[in-house]
C-alpha atoms as a PDB file:
ATOM      1  CA  UNK A   1     -15.361  -1.106 -43.078  1.00  0.00           C
ATOM      2  CA  UNK A   2     -15.628   1.316 -46.017  1.00  0.00           C
ATOM      3  CA  UNK A   3     -12.095   2.527 -45.330  1.00  0.00           C
ATOM      4  CA  UNK A   4     -10.858  -1.060 -45.349  1.00  0.00           C
ATOM      5  CA  UNK A   5     -12.598  -1.780 -48.666  1.00  0.00           C
ATOM      6  CA  UNK A   6     -10.856   1.251 -50.184  1.00  0.00           C
ATOM      7  CA  UNK A   7      -7.490   0.037 -48.919  1.00  0.00           C
ATOM      8  CA  UNK A   8      -8.139  -3.419 -50.336  1.00  0.00           C
ATOM      9  CA  UNK A   9      -9.101  -1.900 -53.675  1.00  0.00           C
ATOM     10  CA  UNK A  10      -5.791  -0.011 -53.681  1.00  0.00           C
ATOM     11  CA  UNK A  11      -4.046  -3.374 -53.515  1.00  0.00           C
ATOM     12  CA  UNK A  12      -6.274  -5.056 -56.122  1.00  0.00           C
ATOM     13  CA  UNK A  13      -8.841  -2.944 -57.945  1.00  0.00           C
ATOM     14  CA  UNK A  14     -10.140  -5.891 -59.974  1.00  0.00           C
ATOM     15  CA  UNK A  15     -11.649  -7.765 -56.996  1.00  0.00           C
ATOM     16  CA  UNK A  16     -15.138  -7.367 -55.489  1.00  0.00           C
ATOM     17  CA  UNK A  17     -14.029  -7.258 -51.858  1.00  0.00           C
ATOM     18  CA  UNK A  18     -17.526  -6.600 -50.549  1.00  0.00           C
ATOM     19  CA  UNK A  19     -18.866  -9.927 -51.823  1.00  0.00           C
ATOM     20  CA  UNK A  20     -15.883 -12.250 -52.221  1.00  0.00           C
ATOM     21  CA  UNK A  21     -15.433 -14.741 -49.378  1.00  0.00           C
ATOM     22  CA  UNK A  22     -12.570 -16.864 -50.762  1.00  0.00           C
ATOM     23  CA  UNK A  23      -9.759 -14.393 -51.358  1.00  0.00           C
ATOM     24  CA  UNK A  24      -7.132 -16.912 -50.294  1.00  0.00           C
ATOM     25  CA  UNK A  25      -8.863 -20.257 -50.847  1.00  0.00           C
ATOM     26  CA  UNK A  26      -9.933 -19.136 -54.331  1.00  0.00           C
ATOM     27  CA  UNK A  27      -6.383 -17.975 -55.084  1.00  0.00           C
ATOM     28  CA  UNK A  28      -7.638 -14.461 -55.824  1.00  0.00           C
ATOM     29  CA  UNK A  29      -4.940 -12.786 -53.743  1.00  0.00           C
ATOM     30  CA  UNK A  30      -1.318 -13.699 -54.391  1.00  0.00           C
ATOM     31  CA  UNK A  31       1.369 -13.913 -51.734  1.00  0.00           C
ATOM     32  CA  UNK A  32       2.653 -10.548 -52.972  1.00  0.00           C
ATOM     33  CA  UNK A  33      -0.840  -9.062 -52.511  1.00  0.00           C
ATOM     34  CA  UNK A  34      -0.917 -10.371 -48.943  1.00  0.00           C
ATOM     35  CA  UNK A  35       2.495  -8.886 -48.125  1.00  0.00           C
ATOM     36  CA  UNK A  36       1.425  -5.543 -49.577  1.00  0.00           C
ATOM     37  CA  UNK A  37      -1.861  -5.709 -47.675  1.00  0.00           C
ATOM     38  CA  UNK A  38      -0.154  -6.518 -44.365  1.00  0.00           C
ATOM     39  CA  UNK A  39       2.178  -3.556 -44.796  1.00  0.00           C
ATOM     40  CA  UNK A  40      -0.750  -1.267 -45.632  1.00  0.00           C
ATOM     41  CA  UNK A  41      -2.790  -2.485 -42.644  1.00  0.00           C
ATOM     42  CA  UNK A  42       0.190  -2.071 -40.308  1.00  0.00           C
ATOM     43  CA  UNK A  43       0.644   1.534 -41.429  1.00  0.00           C
ATOM     44  CA  UNK A  44      -3.000   2.550 -41.764  1.00  0.00           C
ATOM     45  CA  UNK A  45      -4.320   1.001 -38.531  1.00  0.00           C
ATOM     46  CA  UNK A  46      -1.129   1.252 -36.451  1.00  0.00           C
ATOM     47  CA  UNK A  47      -1.092  -2.473 -35.769  1.00  0.00           C
ATOM     48  CA  UNK A  48       1.492  -5.204 -36.075  1.00  0.00           C
ATOM     49  CA  UNK A  49       0.261  -8.465 -37.551  1.00  0.00           C
ATOM     50  CA  UNK A  50       2.221 -11.331 -36.007  1.00  0.00           C
ATOM     51  CA  UNK A  51       3.230 -14.276 -38.183  1.00  0.00           C
ATOM     52  CA  UNK A  52       0.838 -16.545 -36.265  1.00  0.00           C
ATOM     53  CA  UNK A  53      -2.089 -14.418 -37.512  1.00  0.00           C
ATOM     54  CA  UNK A  54      -1.087 -14.678 -41.180  1.00  0.00           C
ATOM     55  CA  UNK A  55      -3.372 -17.598 -41.957  1.00  0.00           C
ATOM     56  CA  UNK A  56      -5.978 -18.003 -44.728  1.00  0.00           C
ATOM     57  CA  UNK A  57      -8.912 -17.699 -42.330  1.00  0.00           C
ATOM     58  CA  UNK A  58      -7.864 -14.145 -41.429  1.00  0.00           C
ATOM     59  CA  UNK A  59      -7.562 -12.994 -45.052  1.00  0.00           C
ATOM     60  CA  UNK A  60     -10.320 -14.863 -46.926  1.00  0.00           C
ATOM     61  CA  UNK A  61     -12.751 -11.918 -46.865  1.00  0.00           C
ATOM     62  CA  UNK A  62     -12.945  -8.238 -46.005  1.00  0.00           C
ATOM     63  CA  UNK A  63     -14.983  -9.209 -42.930  1.00  0.00           C
ATOM     64  CA  UNK A  64     -12.246 -11.565 -41.734  1.00  0.00           C
ATOM     65  CA  UNK A  65      -9.589  -8.899 -42.270  1.00  0.00           C
ATOM     66  CA  UNK A  66     -11.743  -6.360 -40.419  1.00  0.00           C
ATOM     67  CA  UNK A  67     -12.169  -8.793 -37.518  1.00  0.00           C
ATOM     68  CA  UNK A  68      -8.395  -9.288 -37.416  1.00  0.00           C
ATOM     69  CA  UNK A  69      -7.833  -5.533 -37.269  1.00  0.00           C
ATOM     70  CA  UNK A  70     -10.379  -5.154 -34.472  1.00  0.00           C
ATOM     71  CA  UNK A  71      -8.782  -7.991 -32.504  1.00  0.00           C
ATOM     72  CA  UNK A  72      -5.281  -6.523 -32.847  1.00  0.00           C
ATOM     73  CA  UNK A  73      -6.418  -3.022 -31.934  1.00  0.00           C
ATOM     74  CA  UNK A  74      -8.382  -4.256 -28.919  1.00  0.00           C
END
């Protein structure tokens, strides 16, 4: 999870990813941030995030993103 937090901070260093639970719903991350994040996750974790998985629930918090990664790696 620490590695993921560092990756998220590379995308947006002004966000408290450890405590924020409304990254999408609170409009904290922009669509550009999400695209950049998806590309980073694909490269860093050797996964491919299908379009069906690009929904707010999967990107609202670091925990949700981590769960998505685990699911796609499993």
